[in-house]
């Protein structure tokens, strides 16, 4: 993410788009969601080793939220985000041994000034309660 922010900041887009402000609010939103609902969510800004067995998207990695479901401890679900073409794409996946296996894509965010991650977090909880 640092590489992307450096490249994009030369144009001033990062500041004017609200991306930095949005990313700075995500850990607090996850903490608030967890405090209110207690689903075992953890915010992580360290990228995984691979996504779907590949390393290409790691340069554009923004953050990940893990859910540890005590009912299904063998499957650790995650929400992860990739910045691509000035849009933040969210995905639900299963995290295991440093790799994420993607299950599905969420609605991308392009208006960072009005965006929040509540719906994405809700999607993570829903996915972690279903069988795939």
C-alpha atoms as a PDB file:
ATOM      1  CA  UNK A   1       0.000   0.000   0.000  1.00  0.00           C
ATOM      2  CA  UNK A   2       2.888   2.345   0.694  1.00  0.00           C
ATOM      3  CA  UNK A   3       4.070   2.104  -2.936  1.00  0.00           C
ATOM      4  CA  UNK A   4       0.608   2.958  -4.218  1.00  0.00           C
ATOM      5  CA  UNK A   5       0.247   5.866  -1.846  1.00  0.00           C
ATOM      6  CA  UNK A   6       3.614   7.265  -2.943  1.00  0.00           C
ATOM      7  CA  UNK A   7       2.714   6.975  -6.618  1.00  0.00           C
ATOM      8  CA  UNK A   8      -0.771   8.420  -6.189  1.00  0.00           C
ATOM      9  CA  UNK A   9       0.308  11.195  -3.813  1.00  0.00           C
ATOM     10  CA  UNK A  10       2.332  12.891  -6.530  1.00  0.00           C
ATOM     11  CA  UNK A  11      -0.949  13.835  -8.169  1.00  0.00           C
ATOM     12  CA  UNK A  12      -2.565  14.871  -4.880  1.00  0.00           C
ATOM     13  CA  UNK A  13      -5.310  12.322  -5.467  1.00  0.00           C
ATOM     14  CA  UNK A  14      -4.753  10.498  -2.153  1.00  0.00           C
ATOM     15  CA  UNK A  15      -5.445  13.623  -0.126  1.00  0.00           C
ATOM     16  CA  UNK A  16      -8.281  15.000  -2.247  1.00  0.00           C
ATOM     17  CA  UNK A  17     -10.066  11.651  -2.638  1.00  0.00           C
ATOM     18  CA  UNK A  18     -10.374  11.051   1.081  1.00  0.00           C
ATOM     19  CA  UNK A  19      -8.601   7.675   0.822  1.00  0.00           C
ATOM     20  CA  UNK A  20      -6.149   8.379   3.659  1.00  0.00           C
ATOM     21  CA  UNK A  21      -8.922   9.616   5.933  1.00  0.00           C
ATOM     22  CA  UNK A  22     -11.039   6.564   5.081  1.00  0.00           C
ATOM     23  CA  UNK A  23      -8.188   4.117   5.758  1.00  0.00           C
ATOM     24  CA  UNK A  24      -7.421   5.823   9.057  1.00  0.00           C
ATOM     25  CA  UNK A  25     -11.009   5.262  10.246  1.00  0.00           C
ATOM     26  CA  UNK A  26     -11.190   1.551   9.391  1.00  0.00           C
ATOM     27  CA  UNK A  27      -9.444   0.193  12.536  1.00  0.00           C
ATOM     28  CA  UNK A  28     -11.811   2.188  14.742  1.00  0.00           C
ATOM     29  CA  UNK A  29     -14.869   1.042  12.756  1.00  0.00           C
ATOM     30  CA  UNK A  30     -13.765  -2.583  13.157  1.00  0.00           C
ATOM     31  CA  UNK A  31     -13.202  -2.036  16.879  1.00  0.00           C
ATOM     32  CA  UNK A  32     -16.645  -0.435  17.270  1.00  0.00           C
ATOM     33  CA  UNK A  33     -18.328  -3.220  15.286  1.00  0.00           C
ATOM     34  CA  UNK A  34     -16.550  -5.824  17.421  1.00  0.00           C
ATOM     35  CA  UNK A  35     -17.446  -4.021  20.653  1.00  0.00           C
ATOM     36  CA  UNK A  36     -21.123  -3.796  19.650  1.00  0.00           C
ATOM     37  CA  UNK A  37     -21.586  -7.305  18.285  1.00  0.00           C
ATOM     38  CA  UNK A  38     -18.695  -9.465  19.573  1.00  0.00           C
ATOM     39  CA  UNK A  39     -18.061 -11.570  16.460  1.00  0.00           C
ATOM     40  CA  UNK A  40     -14.315 -12.023  16.988  1.00  0.00           C
ATOM     41  CA  UNK A  41     -13.092  -9.493  14.397  1.00  0.00           C
ATOM     42  CA  UNK A  42      -9.484  -8.267  14.238  1.00  0.00           C
ATOM     43  CA  UNK A  43      -8.070  -5.539  11.999  1.00  0.00           C
ATOM     44  CA  UNK A  44      -4.715  -6.346  10.354  1.00  0.00           C
ATOM     45  CA  UNK A  45      -2.706  -4.076   8.075  1.00  0.00           C
ATOM     46  CA  UNK A  46       0.029  -6.616   7.317  1.00  0.00           C
ATOM     47  CA  UNK A  47      -0.455  -8.316   3.941  1.00  0.00           C
ATOM     48  CA  UNK A  48      -0.765 -12.091   3.661  1.00  0.00           C
ATOM     49  CA  UNK A  49       1.932 -14.124   1.914  1.00  0.00           C
ATOM     50  CA  UNK A  50      -0.298 -14.786  -1.098  1.00  0.00           C
ATOM     51  CA  UNK A  51      -3.819 -14.211  -2.363  1.00  0.00           C
ATOM     52  CA  UNK A  52      -5.233 -17.158  -4.298  1.00  0.00           C
ATOM     53  CA  UNK A  53      -1.691 -18.539  -4.447  1.00  0.00           C
ATOM     54  CA  UNK A  54      -0.327 -15.411  -6.185  1.00  0.00           C
ATOM     55  CA  UNK A  55       1.650 -12.394  -5.052  1.00  0.00           C
ATOM     56  CA  UNK A  56       0.524  -9.823  -7.667  1.00  0.00           C
ATOM     57  CA  UNK A  57      -2.103  -8.033  -5.579  1.00  0.00           C
ATOM     58  CA  UNK A  58       0.096  -7.753  -2.490  1.00  0.00           C
ATOM     59  CA  UNK A  59       1.543  -4.428  -3.702  1.00  0.00           C
ATOM     60  CA  UNK A  60      -1.981  -2.991  -3.705  1.00  0.00           C
ATOM     61  CA  UNK A  61      -3.064  -4.547  -0.388  1.00  0.00           C
ATOM     62  CA  UNK A  62      -4.800  -2.082   1.954  1.00  0.00           C
ATOM     63  CA  UNK A  63      -5.963  -4.059   5.009  1.00  0.00           C
ATOM     64  CA  UNK A  64      -7.558  -7.266   6.235  1.00  0.00           C
ATOM     65  CA  UNK A  65     -10.098  -8.104   8.928  1.00  0.00           C
ATOM     66  CA  UNK A  66     -10.013 -11.629  10.337  1.00  0.00           C
ATOM     67  CA  UNK A  67     -12.928 -13.389  11.978  1.00  0.00           C
ATOM     68  CA  UNK A  68     -12.280 -16.222  14.348  1.00  0.00           C
ATOM     69  CA  UNK A  69     -15.557 -18.131  14.618  1.00  0.00           C
ATOM     70  CA  UNK A  70     -15.518 -20.378  17.688  1.00  0.00           C
ATOM     71  CA  UNK A  71     -18.206 -22.557  16.116  1.00  0.00           C
ATOM     72  CA  UNK A  72     -16.034 -23.292  13.044  1.00  0.00           C
ATOM     73  CA  UNK A  73     -12.451 -22.895  14.326  1.00  0.00           C
ATOM     74  CA  UNK A  74     -10.887 -24.741  11.403  1.00  0.00           C
ATOM     75  CA  UNK A  75     -11.944 -21.968   8.974  1.00  0.00           C
ATOM     76  CA  UNK A  76     -10.697 -18.428   9.503  1.00  0.00           C
ATOM     77  CA  UNK A  77     -12.665 -16.036   7.350  1.00  0.00           C
ATOM     78  CA  UNK A  78     -11.385 -12.648   6.281  1.00  0.00           C
ATOM     79  CA  UNK A  79     -12.319  -9.446   4.561  1.00  0.00           C
ATOM     80  CA  UNK A  80      -9.424  -8.015   2.575  1.00  0.00           C
ATOM     81  CA  UNK A  81      -9.076  -4.921   0.431  1.00  0.00           C
ATOM     82  CA  UNK A  82      -7.083  -4.113  -2.670  1.00  0.00           C
ATOM     83  CA  UNK A  83      -6.665  -0.638  -4.184  1.00  0.00           C
ATOM     84  CA  UNK A  84      -6.977  -0.771  -7.953  1.00  0.00           C
ATOM     85  CA  UNK A  85      -7.577   2.079 -10.396  1.00  0.00           C
ATOM     86  CA  UNK A  86      -8.475   4.487  -7.573  1.00  0.00           C
ATOM     87  CA  UNK A  87     -11.154   2.154  -6.229  1.00  0.00           C
ATOM     88  CA  UNK A  88     -10.990   0.011  -3.130  1.00  0.00           C
ATOM     89  CA  UNK A  89     -12.153  -3.533  -3.813  1.00  0.00           C
ATOM     90  CA  UNK A  90     -13.292  -5.687  -0.911  1.00  0.00           C
ATOM     91  CA  UNK A  91     -13.256  -9.463  -0.916  1.00  0.00           C
ATOM     92  CA  UNK A  92     -14.377 -12.200   1.438  1.00  0.00           C
ATOM     93  CA  UNK A  93     -12.034 -15.141   1.711  1.00  0.00           C
ATOM     94  CA  UNK A  94     -10.664 -17.914   3.885  1.00  0.00           C
ATOM     95  CA  UNK A  95      -7.276 -17.282   5.494  1.00  0.00           C
ATOM     96  CA  UNK A  96      -4.964 -20.223   6.158  1.00  0.00           C
ATOM     97  CA  UNK A  97      -1.197 -20.412   6.658  1.00  0.00           C
ATOM     98  CA  UNK A  98      -0.546 -16.968   5.179  1.00  0.00           C
ATOM     99  CA  UNK A  99      -2.698 -17.481   2.082  1.00  0.00           C
ATOM    100  CA  UNK A 100      -6.140 -16.120   1.304  1.00  0.00           C
ATOM    101  CA  UNK A 101      -8.500 -18.107  -0.887  1.00  0.00           C
ATOM    102  CA  UNK A 102     -11.083 -15.689  -2.247  1.00  0.00           C
ATOM    103  CA  UNK A 103     -14.756 -16.636  -2.012  1.00  0.00           C
ATOM    104  CA  UNK A 104     -16.385 -13.540  -3.493  1.00  0.00           C
ATOM    105  CA  UNK A 105     -16.031  -9.850  -4.284  1.00  0.00           C
ATOM    106  CA  UNK A 106     -17.961  -7.138  -2.472  1.00  0.00           C
ATOM    107  CA  UNK A 107     -19.228  -3.836  -3.867  1.00  0.00           C
ATOM    108  CA  UNK A 108     -16.134  -1.631  -4.448  1.00  0.00           C
ATOM    109  CA  UNK A 109     -15.742   1.793  -2.850  1.00  0.00           C
ATOM    110  CA  UNK A 110     -14.896   4.827  -4.945  1.00  0.00           C
ATOM    111  CA  UNK A 111     -16.330   7.677  -2.857  1.00  0.00           C
ATOM    112  CA  UNK A 112     -14.070   7.501   0.193  1.00  0.00           C
ATOM    113  CA  UNK A 113     -15.515  10.646   1.770  1.00  0.00           C
ATOM    114  CA  UNK A 114     -18.905   8.983   2.245  1.00  0.00           C
ATOM    115  CA  UNK A 115     -17.827   5.378   2.648  1.00  0.00           C
ATOM    116  CA  UNK A 116     -17.716   3.105   5.662  1.00  0.00           C
ATOM    117  CA  UNK A 117     -16.949  -0.557   6.109  1.00  0.00           C
ATOM    118  CA  UNK A 118     -20.053  -1.575   8.071  1.00  0.00           C
ATOM    119  CA  UNK A 119     -21.665  -3.415   5.127  1.00  0.00           C
ATOM    120  CA  UNK A 120     -18.399  -5.178   4.333  1.00  0.00           C
ATOM    121  CA  UNK A 121     -18.037  -6.282   7.970  1.00  0.00           C
ATOM    122  CA  UNK A 122     -21.613  -7.529   7.955  1.00  0.00           C
ATOM    123  CA  UNK A 123     -20.795  -9.526   4.789  1.00  0.00           C
ATOM    124  CA  UNK A 124     -17.781 -11.060   6.542  1.00  0.00           C
ATOM    125  CA  UNK A 125     -19.880 -12.202   9.484  1.00  0.00           C
ATOM    126  CA  UNK A 126     -22.555 -13.603   7.172  1.00  0.00           C
ATOM    127  CA  UNK A 127     -19.991 -15.530   5.112  1.00  0.00           C
ATOM    128  CA  UNK A 128     -18.386 -16.991   8.209  1.00  0.00           C
ATOM    129  CA  UNK A 129     -21.723 -18.404   9.350  1.00  0.00           C
ATOM    130  CA  UNK A 130     -22.488 -20.177   6.061  1.00  0.00           C
ATOM    131  CA  UNK A 131     -21.009 -23.393   4.722  1.00  0.00           C
ATOM    132  CA  UNK A 132     -18.909 -23.221   1.529  1.00  0.00           C
END
